[in-house]
N, C-alpha and C. Protein backbone atom coordinates (compact mmCIF):
# COMPACT_ATOMS: atom_id res chain seq x y z
N MET A 1 187.43 119.25 82.21
CA MET A 1 186.02 119.08 82.72
C MET A 1 185.71 117.58 82.63
N THR A 2 184.97 117.16 83.50
CA THR A 2 184.53 115.99 83.44
C THR A 2 183.57 115.27 82.17
N ASP A 3 183.75 114.05 81.96
CA ASP A 3 183.25 113.40 80.74
C ASP A 3 181.62 114.02 80.72
N GLN A 4 181.17 113.74 81.99
CA GLN A 4 179.64 114.16 81.99
C GLN A 4 179.35 115.69 81.36
N LEU A 5 180.03 116.53 81.90
CA LEU A 5 180.02 118.01 81.44
C LEU A 5 180.50 117.96 80.16
N THR A 6 181.58 117.37 79.90
CA THR A 6 181.88 117.61 78.35
C THR A 6 180.55 117.07 77.32
N SER A 7 179.86 116.11 77.84
CA SER A 7 179.01 115.64 77.14
C SER A 7 177.72 116.62 76.85
N TYR A 8 177.56 117.45 78.04
CA TYR A 8 176.39 118.29 78.18
C TYR A 8 176.83 119.50 77.32
N ALA A 9 178.26 120.21 77.48
CA ALA A 9 178.50 121.17 76.50
C ALA A 9 178.68 120.68 75.03
N SER A 10 178.72 119.58 74.65
CA SER A 10 178.88 118.74 73.51
C SER A 10 177.66 118.94 72.75
N ALA A 11 176.51 118.92 73.60
CA ALA A 11 175.23 118.81 72.95
C ALA A 11 174.78 120.29 72.55
N TYR A 12 175.42 121.14 73.52
CA TYR A 12 175.10 122.73 73.01
C TYR A 12 175.67 123.16 71.57
N ARG A 13 176.99 122.47 71.84
CA ARG A 13 177.73 122.94 70.46
C ARG A 13 177.23 122.35 69.19
N GLN A 14 176.73 120.97 69.50
CA GLN A 14 176.23 120.15 68.06
C GLN A 14 175.05 121.14 67.98
N SER A 15 174.10 121.28 68.80
CA SER A 15 172.94 122.14 68.39
C SER A 15 173.18 123.39 67.42
N GLN A 16 174.30 123.92 68.10
CA GLN A 16 174.67 125.35 67.30
C GLN A 16 175.46 125.06 65.85
N THR A 17 176.21 124.09 65.91
CA THR A 17 176.71 123.71 64.49
C THR A 17 175.69 123.36 63.45
N ASP A 18 174.79 122.66 64.07
CA ASP A 18 173.80 122.06 63.24
C ASP A 18 172.77 123.25 62.97
N ALA A 19 172.32 123.90 63.72
CA ALA A 19 171.62 125.37 63.55
C ALA A 19 172.00 126.12 62.32
N HIS A 20 173.59 126.36 62.51
CA HIS A 20 174.16 127.23 61.39
C HIS A 20 174.13 126.51 60.06
N ARG A 21 174.20 125.23 60.12
CA ARG A 21 174.19 124.50 58.71
C ARG A 21 173.01 124.51 58.34
N ILE A 22 171.71 124.59 59.02
CA ILE A 22 170.68 124.73 58.41
C ILE A 22 170.04 126.34 58.01
N ALA A 23 170.52 127.00 59.07
CA ALA A 23 169.86 128.49 58.60
C ALA A 23 170.93 129.23 58.02
N ASP A 24 172.18 129.24 57.94
CA ASP A 24 173.02 130.26 57.20
C ASP A 24 172.73 130.30 55.89
N GLY A 25 172.47 129.26 55.10
CA GLY A 25 171.98 129.48 53.65
C GLY A 25 170.78 129.98 53.34
N LEU A 26 169.75 129.98 54.14
CA LEU A 26 168.47 130.40 53.96
C LEU A 26 168.11 131.79 53.96
N THR A 27 167.33 131.97 52.89
CA THR A 27 166.83 133.43 52.67
C THR A 27 165.90 133.81 54.04
N ASP A 28 165.51 135.03 54.31
CA ASP A 28 164.71 135.54 55.20
C ASP A 28 163.19 134.74 54.97
N GLU A 29 162.89 134.81 53.79
CA GLU A 29 161.60 134.22 53.69
C GLU A 29 161.60 132.60 54.06
N GLN A 30 162.61 132.01 53.69
CA GLN A 30 162.74 130.56 53.98
C GLN A 30 163.02 130.21 55.50
N PHE A 31 163.65 131.15 56.26
CA PHE A 31 163.91 131.14 57.64
C PHE A 31 162.26 131.21 58.24
N ASN A 32 161.62 132.00 57.65
CA ASN A 32 160.42 132.43 58.45
C ASN A 32 159.22 131.43 57.83
N TRP A 33 159.19 130.54 56.82
CA TRP A 33 158.32 130.02 56.24
C TRP A 33 157.84 128.79 57.07
N LYS A 34 156.48 128.61 57.27
CA LYS A 34 155.93 127.50 58.19
C LYS A 34 154.99 126.66 57.20
N PRO A 35 155.29 125.35 57.82
CA PRO A 35 154.29 124.52 56.90
C PRO A 35 153.03 124.54 56.95
N SER A 36 152.49 125.17 58.17
CA SER A 36 151.09 125.35 58.35
C SER A 36 151.02 126.60 59.28
N PRO A 37 149.67 127.06 59.64
CA PRO A 37 149.68 128.07 60.74
C PRO A 37 150.03 127.73 62.01
N LYS A 38 149.92 126.34 62.22
CA LYS A 38 150.10 126.03 63.73
C LYS A 38 151.46 125.23 63.84
N SER A 39 152.38 125.30 62.79
CA SER A 39 153.61 124.80 62.87
C SER A 39 154.60 125.73 62.88
N TRP A 40 155.79 125.38 63.42
CA TRP A 40 156.84 126.41 63.59
C TRP A 40 157.77 126.71 62.40
N SER A 41 158.39 127.90 62.19
CA SER A 41 159.18 128.12 61.15
C SER A 41 160.58 127.69 61.78
N VAL A 42 161.72 127.67 61.01
CA VAL A 42 163.10 127.44 61.40
C VAL A 42 163.22 128.70 62.35
N GLY A 43 163.02 129.82 61.94
CA GLY A 43 163.10 131.05 63.05
C GLY A 43 162.57 130.71 64.11
N GLU A 44 161.18 130.20 64.39
CA GLU A 44 160.50 130.06 65.39
C GLU A 44 161.12 129.05 66.45
N CYS A 45 161.80 127.88 65.62
CA CYS A 45 162.47 126.92 66.55
C CYS A 45 163.80 127.78 67.18
N ILE A 46 164.43 128.59 66.53
CA ILE A 46 165.80 129.18 67.10
C ILE A 46 165.04 130.41 68.30
N VAL A 47 164.15 130.72 68.03
CA VAL A 47 163.57 131.77 69.12
C VAL A 47 163.01 131.21 70.26
N HIS A 48 162.26 129.88 70.02
CA HIS A 48 162.18 129.24 71.39
C HIS A 48 163.16 128.87 71.91
N LEU A 49 164.17 128.23 71.38
CA LEU A 49 165.58 127.92 72.16
C LEU A 49 166.20 129.31 72.81
N ASN A 50 166.11 130.31 72.16
CA ASN A 50 166.74 131.68 72.80
C ASN A 50 165.89 132.13 74.06
N THR A 51 164.47 131.88 73.93
CA THR A 51 163.72 132.12 75.18
C THR A 51 163.85 131.28 76.18
N ILE A 52 164.23 129.94 76.10
CA ILE A 52 164.41 129.03 77.13
C ILE A 52 165.79 129.48 77.70
N ALA A 53 166.73 129.60 76.66
CA ALA A 53 168.20 130.05 77.44
C ALA A 53 168.01 131.23 78.27
N LYS A 54 167.58 131.98 77.71
CA LYS A 54 167.21 133.57 78.41
C LYS A 54 166.64 133.25 79.85
N GLY A 55 165.69 132.27 79.75
CA GLY A 55 165.18 132.20 81.05
C GLY A 55 165.82 131.34 82.33
N TYR A 56 166.56 130.27 81.53
CA TYR A 56 167.47 129.44 82.45
C TYR A 56 168.78 129.93 82.70
N LEU A 57 169.34 130.60 82.04
CA LEU A 57 170.80 130.89 82.15
C LEU A 57 171.19 131.81 83.41
N PRO A 58 170.30 132.76 83.94
CA PRO A 58 170.79 133.40 85.16
C PRO A 58 170.62 132.44 86.16
N ALA A 59 169.77 131.29 86.32
CA ALA A 59 169.84 130.55 87.43
C ALA A 59 170.74 129.63 87.28
N PHE A 60 171.16 129.00 86.01
CA PHE A 60 172.49 128.16 85.94
C PHE A 60 173.79 128.96 86.19
N GLU A 61 173.80 130.21 85.77
CA GLU A 61 174.92 131.03 86.17
C GLU A 61 175.08 131.09 87.58
N ASP A 62 174.11 131.50 88.35
CA ASP A 62 174.16 131.57 89.72
C ASP A 62 174.83 130.53 90.32
N ALA A 63 173.88 129.25 90.14
CA ALA A 63 174.30 128.05 90.51
C ALA A 63 175.61 127.66 90.40
N ALA A 64 176.38 127.75 89.05
CA ALA A 64 177.78 127.42 89.02
C ALA A 64 178.45 128.47 89.63
N SER A 65 178.31 129.52 90.01
CA SER A 65 179.24 130.66 90.61
C SER A 65 179.17 130.73 91.81
N ARG A 66 178.26 130.30 92.56
CA ARG A 66 178.12 130.34 94.14
C ARG A 66 178.90 129.34 94.99
N GLU A 67 179.41 129.49 95.89
CA GLU A 67 179.66 128.31 96.96
C GLU A 67 179.00 126.98 97.15
N ALA A 68 179.38 126.10 96.64
CA ALA A 68 178.17 125.03 96.51
C ALA A 68 179.07 123.63 96.70
N PRO A 69 178.37 122.59 97.38
CA PRO A 69 179.10 121.24 97.30
C PRO A 69 179.75 120.86 96.10
N ARG A 70 180.97 120.21 96.56
CA ARG A 70 181.67 119.80 95.30
C ARG A 70 181.80 118.13 95.36
N ALA A 71 181.97 117.60 94.26
CA ALA A 71 181.87 116.08 94.20
C ALA A 71 182.53 115.75 92.62
N SER A 72 182.98 114.69 92.39
CA SER A 72 183.30 114.17 91.30
C SER A 72 182.62 113.50 90.11
N GLY A 73 181.43 112.97 90.61
CA GLY A 73 180.35 112.46 89.78
C GLY A 73 181.36 111.07 89.29
N PRO A 74 180.58 110.25 88.32
CA PRO A 74 179.54 110.70 87.59
C PRO A 74 178.15 110.88 88.49
N PHE A 75 177.21 111.70 88.17
CA PHE A 75 176.20 111.93 88.75
C PHE A 75 174.78 111.44 88.07
N THR A 76 173.87 110.74 89.10
CA THR A 76 172.95 110.39 88.60
C THR A 76 171.72 111.33 89.27
N TYR A 77 170.59 111.08 88.41
CA TYR A 77 169.51 112.21 88.94
C TYR A 77 168.21 111.40 89.24
N GLY A 78 167.29 112.00 89.93
CA GLY A 78 166.15 111.11 90.35
C GLY A 78 165.13 110.89 89.43
N PHE A 79 163.94 110.19 89.81
CA PHE A 79 162.92 109.74 88.79
C PHE A 79 162.27 111.14 88.01
N VAL A 80 161.93 112.32 88.67
CA VAL A 80 161.32 113.38 88.11
C VAL A 80 162.47 114.07 87.16
N ALA A 81 163.64 114.15 87.47
CA ALA A 81 164.53 114.79 86.72
C ALA A 81 164.74 113.79 85.25
N ARG A 82 164.96 112.60 85.48
CA ARG A 82 165.00 111.63 84.38
C ARG A 82 163.70 111.72 83.46
N LYS A 83 162.52 111.81 84.03
CA LYS A 83 161.33 111.93 83.16
C LYS A 83 161.32 113.30 82.26
N PHE A 84 161.79 114.31 82.98
CA PHE A 84 161.96 115.50 82.28
C PHE A 84 162.96 115.53 81.60
N THR A 85 164.02 114.97 81.41
CA THR A 85 164.90 114.94 80.36
C THR A 85 164.40 114.06 79.20
N ASP A 86 163.77 112.62 79.74
CA ASP A 86 163.08 112.04 78.65
C ASP A 86 162.18 112.86 77.66
N ALA A 87 161.39 113.69 78.39
CA ALA A 87 160.40 114.28 77.52
C ALA A 87 160.79 115.57 76.62
N VAL A 88 162.07 115.99 76.93
CA VAL A 88 162.58 117.02 76.05
C VAL A 88 163.49 116.47 74.92
N ARG A 89 164.02 115.31 75.12
CA ARG A 89 165.16 114.77 74.26
C ARG A 89 164.80 114.55 72.90
N PRO A 90 165.46 114.61 71.76
CA PRO A 90 165.02 114.22 70.43
C PRO A 90 164.09 112.72 70.24
N GLY A 91 163.49 112.78 69.72
CA GLY A 91 162.59 111.77 69.38
C GLY A 91 161.76 111.39 70.39
N SER A 92 161.62 112.11 71.25
CA SER A 92 160.45 111.89 72.53
C SER A 92 159.02 112.59 71.73
N ARG A 93 157.93 112.15 72.44
CA ARG A 93 156.76 112.50 72.04
C ARG A 93 156.57 113.96 72.16
N ALA A 94 155.93 114.53 71.10
CA ALA A 94 155.81 116.19 71.31
C ALA A 94 154.87 116.47 72.50
N ILE A 95 155.40 117.53 73.28
CA ILE A 95 154.50 118.02 74.28
C ILE A 95 154.05 119.46 73.92
N PRO A 96 153.09 119.97 74.40
CA PRO A 96 152.69 121.33 74.11
C PRO A 96 153.60 122.27 74.96
N THR A 97 153.89 123.37 74.28
CA THR A 97 154.74 124.40 74.82
C THR A 97 154.07 125.43 75.64
N GLY A 98 154.42 125.70 76.68
CA GLY A 98 153.55 126.62 77.67
C GLY A 98 153.83 128.06 76.84
N GLY A 99 153.01 128.84 77.41
CA GLY A 99 152.77 130.41 76.92
C GLY A 99 153.85 131.12 76.93
N PRO A 100 154.81 131.25 78.01
CA PRO A 100 156.02 132.26 78.01
C PRO A 100 157.24 131.57 77.40
N MET A 101 156.94 130.21 76.67
CA MET A 101 158.03 129.70 76.19
C MET A 101 157.96 129.59 74.58
N LYS A 102 156.66 130.04 74.27
CA LYS A 102 156.27 129.95 72.82
C LYS A 102 156.90 131.29 72.00
N PRO A 103 157.17 131.07 71.03
CA PRO A 103 157.66 132.22 69.83
C PRO A 103 156.43 133.14 69.70
N PRO A 104 156.82 134.48 69.44
CA PRO A 104 155.74 135.16 69.15
C PRO A 104 154.66 134.72 68.14
N ALA A 105 153.41 135.04 68.47
CA ALA A 105 152.55 134.61 67.67
C ALA A 105 152.31 135.06 66.25
N THR A 106 151.74 134.31 65.34
CA THR A 106 151.84 134.76 63.97
C THR A 106 150.68 133.92 63.34
N THR A 107 150.05 134.54 62.30
CA THR A 107 149.01 134.19 61.75
C THR A 107 149.39 133.69 60.23
N GLY A 108 148.91 132.72 59.62
CA GLY A 108 149.38 132.43 58.30
C GLY A 108 150.48 131.53 58.47
N THR A 109 151.12 131.38 57.29
CA THR A 109 152.46 130.67 57.20
C THR A 109 153.70 131.27 57.02
N GLN A 110 153.83 132.51 57.79
CA GLN A 110 155.11 133.13 57.58
C GLN A 110 155.20 133.73 58.95
N SER A 111 156.34 133.60 59.44
CA SER A 111 156.65 134.07 60.64
C SER A 111 157.37 135.52 60.76
N ALA A 112 157.75 136.36 61.61
CA ALA A 112 158.54 137.43 61.21
C ALA A 112 159.71 137.55 62.23
N ILE A 113 160.83 136.63 62.07
CA ILE A 113 161.76 136.62 62.94
C ILE A 113 162.88 137.06 62.09
N ASP A 114 163.88 138.02 62.73
CA ASP A 114 165.01 138.58 62.15
C ASP A 114 165.97 137.56 62.30
N LYS A 115 166.62 136.88 61.25
CA LYS A 115 167.41 135.81 61.16
C LYS A 115 168.76 136.11 61.76
N ALA A 116 169.32 137.31 61.42
CA ALA A 116 170.62 137.66 62.00
C ALA A 116 170.68 137.80 63.54
N ARG A 117 169.65 138.46 64.15
CA ARG A 117 169.40 138.82 65.32
C ARG A 117 169.33 137.39 66.16
N ALA A 118 168.19 136.68 65.48
CA ALA A 118 168.16 135.40 66.17
C ALA A 118 169.43 134.49 66.46
N MET A 119 170.16 134.40 65.32
CA MET A 119 171.14 133.49 65.35
C MET A 119 172.35 134.10 65.99
N ALA A 120 172.42 135.52 66.12
CA ALA A 120 173.28 136.12 66.99
C ALA A 120 173.27 135.81 68.30
N SER A 121 171.69 135.72 68.83
CA SER A 121 171.33 135.59 70.12
C SER A 121 171.70 134.20 70.54
N PHE A 122 171.30 133.20 69.58
CA PHE A 122 171.41 131.86 69.83
C PHE A 122 173.04 131.54 70.18
N ASP A 123 173.82 132.16 69.30
CA ASP A 123 175.29 132.05 69.64
C ASP A 123 175.69 132.33 70.80
N GLY A 124 175.19 133.57 71.37
CA GLY A 124 175.56 134.18 72.57
C GLY A 124 175.03 133.40 73.71
N TYR A 125 173.99 132.92 73.42
CA TYR A 125 173.34 131.93 74.74
C TYR A 125 173.85 130.50 74.80
N THR A 126 174.35 129.89 73.47
CA THR A 126 175.24 128.70 73.40
C THR A 126 176.56 128.98 74.01
N ASP A 127 177.15 129.98 73.92
CA ASP A 127 178.38 130.09 74.52
C ASP A 127 178.43 130.39 75.99
N ARG A 128 177.26 131.00 76.39
CA ARG A 128 177.12 131.09 77.93
C ARG A 128 176.84 129.57 78.55
N LEU A 129 175.98 128.98 77.83
CA LEU A 129 175.72 127.68 78.31
C LEU A 129 176.83 126.76 78.27
N VAL A 130 177.65 126.86 77.34
CA VAL A 130 178.91 126.16 77.66
C VAL A 130 179.85 126.72 78.74
N ALA A 131 179.91 127.85 78.58
CA ALA A 131 180.69 128.30 79.75
C ALA A 131 180.23 127.93 81.40
N VAL A 132 178.77 127.79 81.47
CA VAL A 132 178.27 127.14 82.61
C VAL A 132 178.73 125.82 82.98
N CYS A 133 178.76 125.07 81.74
CA CYS A 133 179.27 123.68 82.01
C CYS A 133 180.79 123.64 82.51
N GLU A 134 181.46 124.46 81.83
CA GLU A 134 182.83 124.79 82.46
C GLU A 134 183.19 125.11 83.87
N ALA A 135 182.27 126.22 84.25
CA ALA A 135 182.23 126.59 85.55
C ALA A 135 181.71 125.67 86.66
N ALA A 136 180.75 124.82 86.11
CA ALA A 136 180.27 123.91 87.14
C ALA A 136 181.21 122.56 87.33
N ASP A 137 182.45 122.32 86.70
CA ASP A 137 183.40 121.43 86.79
C ASP A 137 183.72 121.47 88.39
N GLY A 138 183.55 120.18 88.84
CA GLY A 138 184.07 119.95 90.31
C GLY A 138 182.77 120.03 91.18
N LEU A 139 181.74 120.80 90.91
CA LEU A 139 180.69 121.06 91.58
C LEU A 139 179.88 119.75 91.65
N ASP A 140 179.00 119.38 92.82
CA ASP A 140 178.16 118.28 93.04
C ASP A 140 176.78 118.65 92.05
N LEU A 141 176.89 118.08 90.82
CA LEU A 141 175.60 118.62 89.99
C LEU A 141 174.40 117.66 90.29
N ALA A 142 174.31 116.89 91.05
CA ALA A 142 173.01 116.20 91.58
C ALA A 142 172.59 117.09 92.79
N ALA A 143 173.48 117.60 93.78
CA ALA A 143 173.19 118.39 94.96
C ALA A 143 172.57 119.91 94.86
N ILE A 144 173.02 120.42 93.77
CA ILE A 144 172.58 121.95 93.57
C ILE A 144 171.52 121.96 92.84
N LYS A 145 170.38 122.66 93.35
CA LYS A 145 169.22 122.39 92.95
C LYS A 145 168.76 123.71 92.13
N VAL A 146 168.02 123.87 91.14
CA VAL A 146 167.90 125.08 90.21
C VAL A 146 166.13 125.05 89.99
N ARG A 147 165.63 126.03 90.32
CA ARG A 147 164.23 126.35 89.98
C ARG A 147 163.89 126.55 88.58
N SER A 148 162.83 126.13 88.07
CA SER A 148 162.57 126.40 86.73
C SER A 148 162.12 127.88 86.53
N PRO A 149 162.44 128.88 85.73
CA PRO A 149 161.91 129.89 85.56
C PRO A 149 160.35 129.95 84.89
N PHE A 150 160.23 128.70 84.21
CA PHE A 150 158.85 128.66 83.49
C PHE A 150 157.75 127.71 84.27
N LEU A 151 158.13 126.79 85.04
CA LEU A 151 157.51 125.88 85.77
C LEU A 151 157.83 126.13 87.42
N LYS A 152 157.25 126.95 87.98
CA LYS A 152 157.81 127.19 89.29
C LYS A 152 157.70 126.27 90.20
N LEU A 153 156.92 125.33 89.95
CA LEU A 153 156.80 123.98 91.13
C LEU A 153 158.09 123.16 90.75
N MET A 154 158.64 123.16 89.56
CA MET A 154 159.84 122.21 89.43
C MET A 154 161.25 123.03 89.70
N LYS A 155 161.89 122.06 90.50
CA LYS A 155 163.28 122.18 91.07
C LYS A 155 163.85 120.93 90.85
N LEU A 156 165.09 121.07 89.88
CA LEU A 156 165.69 119.97 89.66
C LEU A 156 167.09 120.19 89.73
N PRO A 157 168.08 119.18 90.05
CA PRO A 157 169.42 119.24 90.15
C PRO A 157 170.04 119.86 88.78
N LEU A 158 171.06 120.80 88.91
CA LEU A 158 171.81 121.63 87.77
C LEU A 158 172.08 120.74 86.74
N GLY A 159 172.91 119.68 86.99
CA GLY A 159 173.19 118.82 86.16
C GLY A 159 172.13 118.27 85.20
N ALA A 160 171.01 117.85 86.05
CA ALA A 160 169.86 117.36 85.21
C ALA A 160 169.33 118.41 84.20
N PHE A 161 169.17 119.67 84.55
CA PHE A 161 168.78 120.69 83.61
C PHE A 161 169.80 120.85 82.69
N LEU A 162 171.20 120.91 82.88
CA LEU A 162 172.34 121.25 81.79
C LEU A 162 172.13 119.92 80.91
N ASP A 163 171.79 119.08 80.95
CA ASP A 163 171.68 117.66 80.44
C ASP A 163 170.50 118.01 79.58
N ALA A 164 169.40 118.02 79.94
CA ALA A 164 167.97 118.27 79.27
C ALA A 164 168.03 119.32 78.53
N MET A 165 168.51 120.49 78.63
CA MET A 165 168.59 121.67 78.04
C MET A 165 169.39 121.49 76.55
N GLY A 166 170.62 120.80 76.76
CA GLY A 166 171.26 120.55 75.78
C GLY A 166 170.49 119.76 74.58
N LEU A 167 169.93 118.52 75.36
CA LEU A 167 169.21 117.50 74.33
C LEU A 167 167.70 118.33 73.85
N HIS A 168 167.23 119.27 74.61
CA HIS A 168 166.31 120.01 74.01
C HIS A 168 166.59 120.76 72.86
N ALA A 169 167.72 121.40 72.88
CA ALA A 169 168.34 122.19 71.80
C ALA A 169 168.44 121.52 70.69
N ILE A 170 168.79 120.24 70.60
CA ILE A 170 169.20 119.21 69.41
C ILE A 170 167.77 119.00 69.05
N ARG A 171 166.91 118.73 69.90
CA ARG A 171 165.45 118.39 69.38
C ARG A 171 164.70 119.50 68.59
N HIS A 172 165.00 120.71 68.86
CA HIS A 172 164.43 121.80 68.10
C HIS A 172 165.30 122.17 66.93
N VAL A 173 166.45 122.07 66.91
CA VAL A 173 167.38 122.11 65.55
C VAL A 173 166.90 120.90 64.56
N MET A 174 166.53 119.76 65.17
CA MET A 174 166.10 118.66 64.19
C MET A 174 164.62 119.03 63.92
N GLN A 175 163.92 119.68 64.55
CA GLN A 175 162.61 120.36 63.94
C GLN A 175 162.90 121.18 62.96
N ALA A 176 163.66 122.23 62.93
CA ALA A 176 164.03 123.13 62.28
C ALA A 176 164.37 122.56 60.94
N GLU A 177 165.13 121.68 60.85
CA GLU A 177 165.71 120.82 59.85
C GLU A 177 164.70 120.22 59.06
N ARG A 178 163.62 119.65 59.79
CA ARG A 178 162.40 118.97 59.24
C ARG A 178 161.51 120.14 58.46
N VAL A 179 161.58 121.28 58.89
CA VAL A 179 160.85 122.40 58.33
C VAL A 179 161.22 122.52 56.71
N THR A 180 162.76 122.65 56.74
CA THR A 180 163.37 122.60 55.37
C THR A 180 163.11 121.49 54.50
N GLN A 181 162.66 120.42 55.00
CA GLN A 181 162.45 119.18 54.18
C GLN A 181 160.91 119.00 53.51
N GLU A 182 160.10 120.06 54.16
CA GLU A 182 158.72 119.89 53.72
C GLU A 182 158.23 120.06 52.37
N ALA A 183 157.28 119.51 51.80
CA ALA A 183 156.63 120.16 50.69
C ALA A 183 156.36 121.47 50.80
N GLY A 184 156.48 122.13 49.79
CA GLY A 184 156.25 123.53 49.83
C GLY A 184 157.36 124.42 50.34
N PHE A 185 158.49 123.85 50.81
CA PHE A 185 159.33 124.80 51.50
C PHE A 185 159.83 125.72 50.15
N PRO A 186 160.11 127.07 50.35
CA PRO A 186 160.39 128.03 49.15
C PRO A 186 161.77 127.84 49.00
N SER A 187 161.82 127.69 47.47
CA SER A 187 163.17 127.57 46.98
C SER A 187 163.75 128.82 46.65
């Protein structure tokens, strides 16, 4: 696998390792605790990532499996792709999450996420995202375009999406960790 794809796959694996480091020792109450009604719980951060992966994976898998242009890279992506990646990377300014990408609505400071199920789904989606990185080896990651299932007008290079989604996963796992450091987090 190219260095670029290895980097993308590593971001997914890092988010998985860190998510388990954070979530595995939590009780269901801790996994679902929210600092405020408008904040997300650890569980909601994971469900959000699962929702994103479930939406994007079919398009990624299709793009990586069909007959496509080949190139060796490294690949660069255009202005819009770079701005999108910058917007979802760790440390970037918070942006509103669109309706279909949000975790299920809750009231109060407790969500209702099944921890075992959410983490198992997260692991399955992570494995599939890494498999897409492996399958895309040798493809022209800048030439193959993928349409966002959430933002229908957005069509970006496969490589840009793979990069952005790995960084996005790290971002929300970091958010989940911050939840556990909030004052009032159940002991």
